[in-house]
Amino acid sequence: MKLSATAKVLIALVIFITAGVLHIAFNVTGILGRGGEMRWINTGRGISYAMDAAPTFHGHEGPFFYIATRDGVRYIASATGESRLHYTLNLRRPIMRGRGEFAAVTEGERGRAIYLFDPSGRIMTETFDHPIHTFSVNDNGFLSVILQLGDGYSVNVFHRNSTVRPMYSNTFYESNHPNIIPMMAEVSDDGRFIAIALLDYNNHLRSKIQMSYTSVTDAWGTDGIFFQDSFEDQLILLIRKTTDNRLVVITDAQIVIYTRNDRTMAKTAEIPLYNRIDQIAFDKEGRFAVALGGVEPAFLNRAEAEEPNTVHIFDASGRQTGAYHAERRVTHLSMGHGMVIVGSNRNFHAVNLQGTREWEFIALQDTQAFLFLENAETVLIAGANRADVWHRRRNRDGEAGDFFGIQGQ
């Protein structure tokens, strides 16, 4: 049956009103969730942007956040909404990678320049003759960049205080390393070591991890590599340097944690995986969470497989501290202040490290980013054309609720 235009308008109106009622019930009054005395307040402090601005965000459990759009980078104070930094750029599709107070930004379509920022402004610009394959930045501002050459790949490390540019470089030429691709790299906090994840597709699929010194002095006349491990028939999805000299390696079949002691690397945790990983998140203490999706074909009959949409939470050493089951596919995962934000489309839950739900937020519209700021009761919520700071607090007598939420949320 074909609906009339009037009927379509009425249906749309009913859907909008229903969403508004749910928003009020969950986010303003709290009567349908835990803690009826708590409600969400839109502070109005944030930033607007065009619908086609392609925004990307980085927050670091502090009172500021970065936003990169097609016209540049801003660093905004959550307490006032003031832009402490506005660096103009012309980017078709910005990509931003952040860690702590640092954020690195490049063009998402074969970019050839990276801009590194800290709260004081732009601290470094690196330009290249070849396109950027991938990059990362650590908590102390060490920038790792993998370039795609005509006949291979080049892995480089930069730091603003280094007198040598780059301070580390390693080239994987196709002639010397056939069918080997460096996929990602992570630098230690002090900049002395670099971990490189390699994809080797000679004969069969194999992934490798190499740990190297970044300084020729530390290498003592060797090629610099002091540790290597292989993963047969596995694809490395992510590597992350965390606290206490740990390296977390996540493949499509397991999570492995290595710990460096003196000059040795020891495998200190192995966590098997039987589900596809949909989302991964870390906090600054090295704790991490993984959202598990469907069961991979190779493990269809394995009893160990988890129910899809389960989130596992681990401490920095790899010990599981909790689990949480979302009713729908997890589309967003972030961590901070000893909690995990689990998002399924427009529905967001904050759970503690044991997996117990602390609060819930239902967004009225699609949400691009939802992350903690200076505390567990303050978050950044970004929608289609605006990002605002929201605060969760107790009701005050006679105080009106925020009934309509964030524009573009």
Protein backbone atom coordinates (compact mmCIF):
# COMPACT_ATOMS: atom_id res chain seq x y z
CA MET A 1 0.00 0.00 0.00
CA LYS A 2 1.40 3.35 -1.03
CA LEU A 3 1.27 6.00 1.71
CA SER A 4 0.17 9.53 1.03
CA ALA A 5 2.46 12.44 1.70
CA THR A 6 0.34 13.43 4.71
CA ALA A 7 0.62 9.94 6.19
CA LYS A 8 4.39 9.96 5.76
CA VAL A 9 4.62 13.31 7.57
CA LEU A 10 2.47 12.00 10.44
CA ILE A 11 4.59 8.85 10.78
CA ALA A 12 7.79 10.92 10.82
CA LEU A 13 6.26 13.21 13.48
CA VAL A 14 5.29 10.23 15.66
CA ILE A 15 8.84 8.82 15.39
CA PHE A 16 10.37 12.17 16.34
CA ILE A 17 8.03 12.61 19.32
CA THR A 18 8.74 9.06 20.50
CA ALA A 19 12.50 9.68 20.28
CA GLY A 20 12.03 12.92 22.22
CA VAL A 21 10.07 11.17 24.96
CA LEU A 22 12.77 8.50 25.28
CA HIS A 23 15.44 11.19 25.37
CA ILE A 24 13.62 12.97 28.21
CA ALA A 25 12.95 9.76 30.10
CA PHE A 26 16.52 8.48 29.95
CA ASN A 27 18.70 11.55 29.72
CA VAL A 28 16.76 14.30 31.54
CA THR A 29 14.60 12.72 34.24
CA GLY A 30 16.42 9.41 34.59
CA ILE A 31 13.15 7.69 35.53
CA LEU A 32 13.77 4.77 33.19
CA GLY A 33 17.36 4.18 34.22
CA ARG A 34 19.61 4.17 37.24
CA GLY A 35 19.97 7.22 39.41
CA GLY A 36 16.73 9.18 38.96
CA GLU A 37 18.33 12.21 40.62
CA MET A 38 20.92 12.55 37.85
CA ARG A 39 20.30 14.13 34.46
CA TRP A 40 22.25 15.31 31.44
CA ILE A 41 22.79 19.01 30.74
CA ASN A 42 23.91 20.37 27.39
CA THR A 43 26.36 23.09 28.38
CA GLY A 44 26.19 24.66 24.91
CA ARG A 45 29.97 24.84 24.89
CA GLY A 46 31.28 23.36 21.69
CA ILE A 47 31.70 24.05 18.01
CA SER A 48 29.56 24.08 14.88
CA TYR A 49 30.74 22.91 11.48
CA ALA A 50 29.37 22.33 8.00
CA MET A 51 27.56 19.10 7.20
CA ASP A 52 30.37 18.17 4.79
CA ALA A 53 33.23 19.19 7.11
CA ALA A 54 34.30 15.54 7.68
CA PRO A 55 35.12 16.17 11.37
CA THR A 56 37.29 13.86 13.44
CA PHE A 57 37.95 14.22 17.19
CA HIS A 58 40.52 13.43 19.87
CA GLY A 59 40.01 13.83 23.60
CA HIS A 60 42.46 12.87 26.33
CA GLU A 61 40.59 12.68 29.63
CA GLY A 62 41.16 16.38 30.17
CA PRO A 63 39.31 19.69 29.85
CA PHE A 64 40.15 20.11 26.15
CA PHE A 65 39.54 18.31 22.88
CA TYR A 66 40.84 18.48 19.30
CA ILE A 67 38.70 18.67 16.20
CA ALA A 68 40.05 18.41 12.65
CA THR A 69 37.84 19.39 9.72
CA ARG A 70 38.42 20.18 6.08
CA ASP A 71 39.41 23.74 6.96
CA GLY A 72 41.83 23.05 9.79
CA VAL A 73 42.48 22.01 13.39
CA ARG A 74 41.10 23.47 16.62
CA TYR A 75 41.87 22.81 20.28
CA ILE A 76 38.85 23.71 22.40
CA ALA A 77 38.43 24.19 26.15
CA SER A 78 35.45 22.22 27.47
CA ALA A 79 34.96 24.63 30.41
CA THR A 80 34.46 27.72 28.22
CA GLY A 81 34.05 26.56 24.64
CA GLU A 82 37.00 28.81 23.71
CA SER A 83 39.25 27.80 20.80
CA ARG A 84 42.78 27.83 22.22
CA LEU A 85 44.16 26.85 18.82
CA HIS A 86 42.93 27.38 15.27
CA TYR A 87 45.33 26.26 12.55
CA THR A 88 44.00 26.68 9.03
CA LEU A 89 44.44 23.81 6.58
CA ASN A 90 42.81 22.72 3.34
CA LEU A 91 42.05 19.01 3.62
CA ARG A 92 39.65 16.94 1.52
CA ARG A 93 39.32 14.21 4.16
CA PRO A 94 41.26 14.81 7.38
CA ILE A 95 42.66 11.89 9.36
CA MET A 96 43.68 12.56 12.97
CA ARG A 97 45.54 10.26 15.34
CA GLY A 98 45.90 11.42 18.92
CA ARG A 99 47.55 10.23 22.11
CA GLY A 100 47.47 12.21 25.33
CA GLU A 101 47.96 15.92 24.62
CA PHE A 102 49.29 15.33 21.10
CA ALA A 103 47.40 15.04 17.83
CA ALA A 104 48.74 14.43 14.31
CA VAL A 105 46.70 15.32 11.23
CA THR A 106 47.10 14.50 7.56
CA GLU A 107 45.14 14.30 4.33
CA GLY A 108 43.19 11.07 4.06
CA GLU A 109 43.74 10.63 0.34
CA ARG A 110 47.42 9.83 -0.19
CA GLY A 111 48.55 12.79 1.87
CA ARG A 112 52.18 13.91 1.77
CA ALA A 113 52.34 16.10 4.87
CA ILE A 114 51.67 15.57 8.58
CA TYR A 115 50.99 18.34 11.09
CA LEU A 116 51.69 17.63 14.77
CA PHE A 117 49.99 19.67 17.51
CA ASP A 118 50.09 20.02 21.26
CA PRO A 119 48.04 22.43 23.42
CA SER A 120 50.39 25.31 22.57
CA GLY A 121 49.82 24.97 18.81
CA ARG A 122 51.52 23.41 15.80
CA ILE A 123 54.89 22.05 16.89
CA MET A 124 56.04 20.24 13.77
CA THR A 125 55.26 19.80 10.07
CA GLU A 126 56.78 16.95 8.07
CA THR A 127 56.44 16.87 4.28
CA PHE A 128 57.32 13.91 2.07
CA ASP A 129 58.01 13.02 -1.54
CA HIS A 130 55.84 9.91 -1.25
CA PRO A 131 52.30 9.26 0.00
CA ILE A 132 51.65 8.37 3.64
CA HIS A 133 50.66 4.74 4.19
CA THR A 134 49.87 5.11 7.92
CA PHE A 135 51.10 6.98 11.00
CA SER A 136 50.83 7.21 14.79
CA VAL A 137 51.89 9.47 17.67
CA ASN A 138 52.71 8.53 21.25
CA ASP A 139 52.16 10.25 24.60
CA ASN A 140 55.44 12.18 24.37
CA GLY A 141 55.02 13.42 20.82
CA PHE A 142 57.16 10.87 18.94
CA LEU A 143 55.67 10.57 15.47
CA SER A 144 55.98 7.38 13.41
CA VAL A 145 55.22 7.52 9.69
CA ILE A 146 55.17 4.73 7.10
CA LEU A 147 55.57 5.96 3.51
CA GLN A 148 54.61 4.06 0.39
CA LEU A 149 57.50 4.20 -2.07
CA GLY A 150 57.48 3.20 -5.70
CA ASP A 151 59.47 0.05 -4.86
CA GLY A 152 58.69 -0.57 -1.19
CA TYR A 153 57.94 1.14 2.12
CA SER A 154 59.86 3.41 4.47
CA VAL A 155 59.34 3.52 8.27
CA ASN A 156 60.37 6.79 9.94
CA VAL A 157 60.33 8.37 13.39
CA PHE A 158 60.34 12.12 14.12
CA HIS A 159 60.52 14.26 17.24
CA ARG A 160 60.56 18.02 17.54
CA ASN A 161 63.74 18.00 19.66
CA SER A 162 65.68 15.74 17.31
CA THR A 163 68.47 17.36 15.32
CA VAL A 164 68.30 14.58 12.71
CA ARG A 165 65.31 14.30 10.34
CA PRO A 166 64.15 11.63 10.65
CA MET A 167 65.68 10.37 13.87
CA TYR A 168 65.04 6.78 12.69
CA SER A 169 64.48 5.35 9.21
CA ASN A 170 64.18 1.81 7.86
CA THR A 171 63.32 1.00 4.24
CA PHE A 172 61.73 -2.25 3.11
CA TYR A 173 62.55 -2.43 -0.60
CA GLU A 174 60.65 -5.00 -2.64
CA SER A 175 63.95 -6.36 -3.98
CA ASN A 176 65.27 -7.07 -0.47
CA HIS A 177 61.98 -7.85 1.28
CA PRO A 178 59.66 -9.31 -1.37
CA ASN A 179 55.97 -9.47 -0.48
CA ILE A 180 56.51 -7.88 2.93
CA ILE A 181 54.51 -4.78 3.93
CA PRO A 182 54.97 -2.77 7.16
CA MET A 183 51.39 -2.25 8.34
CA MET A 184 51.82 -0.10 11.44
CA ALA A 185 54.42 1.15 13.92
CA GLU A 186 54.49 2.24 17.56
CA VAL A 187 57.29 4.11 19.36
CA SER A 188 58.05 3.74 23.06
CA ASP A 189 57.37 6.69 25.36
CA ASP A 190 61.06 7.57 25.56
CA GLY A 191 61.56 7.18 21.80
CA ARG A 192 64.29 4.53 22.16
CA PHE A 193 62.39 1.60 20.67
CA ILE A 194 60.04 1.05 17.78
CA ALA A 195 57.67 -1.86 17.17
CA ILE A 196 56.79 -2.59 13.55
CA ALA A 197 53.99 -4.91 12.44
CA LEU A 198 54.78 -6.63 9.13
CA LEU A 199 52.55 -8.54 6.74
CA ASP A 200 54.39 -11.37 4.97
CA TYR A 201 52.45 -13.01 2.14
CA ASN A 202 55.20 -15.22 0.73
CA ASN A 203 53.78 -18.73 0.19
CA HIS A 204 51.16 -18.19 2.91
CA LEU A 205 49.87 -15.44 5.18
CA ARG A 206 52.08 -14.63 8.14
CA SER A 207 52.42 -11.56 10.31
CA LYS A 208 55.50 -10.48 12.23
CA ILE A 209 56.41 -8.13 15.04
CA GLN A 210 59.87 -6.57 15.08
CA MET A 211 61.29 -4.50 17.95
CA SER A 212 64.21 -2.26 17.08
CA TYR A 213 66.34 0.44 18.62
CA THR A 214 65.81 3.86 17.10
CA SER A 215 69.36 4.99 17.96
CA VAL A 216 72.51 3.69 16.29
CA THR A 217 74.27 4.03 19.65
CA ASP A 218 71.80 1.67 21.34
CA ALA A 219 72.03 -0.79 18.46
CA TRP A 220 75.76 -1.36 19.16
CA GLY A 221 76.73 -2.02 15.56
CA THR A 222 73.85 -4.43 14.82
CA ASP A 223 70.89 -3.91 12.50
CA GLY A 224 69.00 -2.64 15.55
CA ILE A 225 66.47 -5.49 15.76
CA PHE A 226 66.51 -7.05 19.24
CA PHE A 227 63.22 -9.00 19.19
CA GLN A 228 60.97 -10.67 16.62
CA ASP A 229 57.91 -12.91 16.74
CA SER A 230 55.65 -14.45 14.08
CA PHE A 231 51.94 -15.18 13.79
CA GLU A 232 51.15 -17.91 11.30
CA ASP A 233 47.95 -17.44 9.25
CA GLN A 234 47.04 -14.38 11.30
CA LEU A 235 46.52 -10.74 10.41
CA ILE A 236 47.63 -8.09 12.90
CA LEU A 237 44.80 -5.64 13.47
CA LEU A 238 46.48 -3.29 15.95
CA ILE A 239 49.61 -2.80 18.03
CA ARG A 240 49.83 -0.48 21.01
CA LYS A 241 52.62 0.49 23.39
CA THR A 242 51.15 0.87 26.87
CA THR A 243 52.33 1.31 30.44
CA ASP A 244 55.27 -0.43 32.11
CA ASN A 245 57.07 -1.31 28.86
CA ARG A 246 54.21 -3.37 27.48
CA LEU A 247 53.32 -3.98 23.84
CA VAL A 248 49.80 -5.17 23.04
CA VAL A 249 49.40 -7.03 19.73
CA ILE A 250 45.87 -7.79 18.55
CA THR A 251 45.42 -10.20 15.65
CA ASP A 252 42.30 -11.72 14.16
CA ALA A 253 42.87 -14.81 16.36
CA GLN A 254 44.39 -13.63 19.64
CA ILE A 255 45.63 -10.83 21.88
CA VAL A 256 49.26 -11.07 22.95
CA ILE A 257 51.01 -8.85 25.48
CA TYR A 258 54.80 -8.56 25.59
CA THR A 259 56.70 -6.95 28.47
CA ARG A 260 60.23 -5.62 28.19
CA ASN A 261 62.59 -6.38 31.06
CA ASP A 262 66.12 -5.03 30.75
CA ARG A 263 67.08 -6.13 27.21
CA THR A 264 64.60 -8.97 26.80
CA MET A 265 61.01 -9.19 25.63
CA ALA A 266 58.74 -11.74 27.37
CA LYS A 267 55.29 -12.88 26.27
CA THR A 268 53.28 -12.20 29.44
CA ALA A 269 49.69 -12.78 28.26
CA GLU A 270 47.91 -14.70 25.50
CA ILE A 271 44.17 -14.27 25.03
CA PRO A 272 42.52 -16.38 22.31
CA LEU A 273 39.76 -14.87 20.17
CA TYR A 274 36.94 -16.80 18.51
CA ASN A 275 34.83 -13.84 17.36
CA ARG A 276 35.43 -11.03 14.91
CA ILE A 277 36.55 -7.82 16.65
CA ASP A 278 34.26 -4.88 15.87
CA GLN A 279 35.81 -2.18 18.11
CA ILE A 280 38.96 -1.67 20.23
CA ALA A 281 39.65 1.01 22.85
CA PHE A 282 42.48 1.85 25.29
CA ASP A 283 42.82 4.27 28.18
CA LYS A 284 45.92 6.11 29.33
CA GLU A 285 46.60 3.54 32.08
CA GLY A 286 46.99 0.81 29.44
CA ARG A 287 43.67 -0.90 30.13
CA PHE A 288 41.75 -1.94 27.05
CA ALA A 289 38.39 -3.23 25.86
CA VAL A 290 37.34 -5.18 22.77
CA ALA A 291 33.84 -5.43 21.31
CA LEU A 292 33.26 -8.87 19.81
CA GLY A 293 31.14 -9.32 16.70
CA GLY A 294 30.03 -12.40 14.83
CA VAL A 295 31.77 -15.74 15.07
CA GLU A 296 34.39 -16.23 12.38
CA PRO A 297 33.82 -19.22 10.03
CA ALA A 298 36.90 -21.06 11.28
CA PHE A 299 35.44 -21.13 14.79
CA LEU A 300 31.75 -21.69 14.03
CA ASN A 301 31.53 -24.79 16.21
CA ARG A 302 33.84 -23.68 19.00
CA ALA A 303 32.16 -23.64 22.40
CA GLU A 304 34.53 -20.85 23.50
CA ALA A 305 33.00 -18.35 21.08
CA GLU A 306 31.22 -15.46 22.79
CA GLU A 307 27.75 -14.19 22.12
CA PRO A 308 28.05 -11.39 19.53
CA ASN A 309 27.99 -7.81 20.86
CA THR A 310 29.90 -8.77 24.03
CA VAL A 311 32.52 -6.32 25.32
CA HIS A 312 35.49 -7.75 27.23
CA ILE A 313 37.42 -5.41 29.55
CA PHE A 314 41.06 -6.04 30.52
CA ASP A 315 43.62 -4.45 32.81
CA ALA A 316 47.01 -3.41 31.45
CA SER A 317 48.53 -6.85 32.11
CA GLY A 318 45.82 -8.62 30.09
CA ARG A 319 43.74 -9.92 33.00
CA GLN A 320 40.02 -9.74 32.22
CA THR A 321 38.24 -7.59 34.79
CA GLY A 322 34.72 -7.58 33.38
CA ALA A 323 32.34 -8.09 30.50
CA TYR A 324 29.26 -6.33 29.21
CA HIS A 325 26.69 -7.50 26.67
CA ALA A 326 25.14 -4.91 24.37
CA GLU A 327 21.76 -5.68 22.87
CA ARG A 328 22.89 -4.60 19.41
CA ARG A 329 26.09 -4.40 17.40
CA VAL A 330 28.67 -2.16 19.05
CA THR A 331 29.42 0.78 16.76
CA HIS A 332 31.40 2.93 19.22
CA LEU A 333 33.88 2.11 22.00
CA SER A 334 35.98 4.50 24.07
CA MET A 335 37.56 4.51 27.54
CA GLY A 336 38.49 6.95 30.26
CA HIS A 337 38.35 7.57 34.02
CA GLY A 338 38.05 3.88 34.81
CA MET A 339 35.00 3.40 32.60
CA VAL A 340 34.06 2.24 29.10
CA ILE A 341 31.56 3.91 26.79
CA VAL A 342 29.72 1.32 24.70
CA GLY A 343 27.68 2.74 21.82
CA SER A 344 25.18 0.93 19.62
CA ASN A 345 24.08 3.44 17.00
CA ARG A 346 22.27 6.13 19.08
CA ASN A 347 22.27 4.28 22.39
CA PHE A 348 25.28 4.77 24.70
CA HIS A 349 26.10 3.05 27.99
CA ALA A 350 28.93 3.79 30.41
CA VAL A 351 30.10 0.69 32.27
CA ASN A 352 32.76 0.30 34.92
CA LEU A 353 35.78 -1.97 34.64
CA GLN A 354 33.74 -4.88 36.00
CA GLY A 355 31.11 -4.43 33.28
CA THR A 356 28.39 -2.93 35.49
CA ARG A 357 26.34 -0.23 33.79
CA GLU A 358 26.67 3.21 35.38
CA TRP A 359 24.54 5.38 33.07
CA GLU A 360 22.81 5.51 29.72
CA PHE A 361 22.34 8.19 27.08
CA ILE A 362 19.99 8.01 24.08
CA ALA A 363 20.88 10.37 21.23
CA LEU A 364 18.20 11.91 19.04
CA GLN A 365 20.26 11.72 15.86
CA ASP A 366 23.33 9.93 14.51
CA THR A 367 26.42 10.56 16.63
CA GLN A 368 29.94 10.77 15.20
CA ALA A 369 31.88 10.87 18.46
CA PHE A 370 31.10 10.23 22.13
CA LEU A 371 34.05 10.44 24.49
CA PHE A 372 35.05 11.38 28.02
CA LEU A 373 36.59 14.75 28.82
CA GLU A 374 37.84 15.89 32.25
CA ASN A 375 35.80 13.43 34.34
CA ALA A 376 33.37 10.52 34.07
CA GLU A 377 30.39 12.90 34.17
CA THR A 378 31.54 15.13 31.29
CA VAL A 379 31.48 13.98 27.68
CA LEU A 380 31.84 15.33 24.18
CA ILE A 381 28.96 14.40 21.88
CA ALA A 382 29.41 15.19 18.20
CA GLY A 383 26.67 15.10 15.61
CA ALA A 384 26.29 15.95 11.96
CA ASN A 385 26.97 19.68 12.25
CA ARG A 386 27.84 20.42 15.88
CA ALA A 387 29.78 19.02 18.83
CA ASP A 388 28.91 20.02 22.39
CA VAL A 389 30.06 19.32 25.91
CA TRP A 390 27.46 17.55 28.03
CA HIS A 391 27.57 17.24 31.82
CA ARG A 392 25.76 14.78 34.06
CA ARG A 393 24.70 16.22 37.40
CA ARG A 394 22.06 16.08 40.08
CA ASN A 395 18.73 17.81 39.64
CA ARG A 396 18.27 21.19 41.26
CA ASP A 397 14.91 22.31 42.61
CA GLY A 398 12.88 24.12 39.96
CA GLU A 399 15.51 23.57 37.26
CA ALA A 400 14.13 22.98 33.78
CA GLY A 401 15.28 19.98 31.77
CA ASP A 402 16.98 20.04 28.42
CA PHE A 403 14.18 18.48 26.38
CA PHE A 404 15.53 18.54 22.88
CA GLY A 405 19.17 17.69 23.25
CA ILE A 406 22.00 18.68 20.96
CA GLN A 407 21.50 20.08 17.52
CA GLY A 408 22.92 17.58 15.06
CA GLN A 409 23.63 15.05 17.80
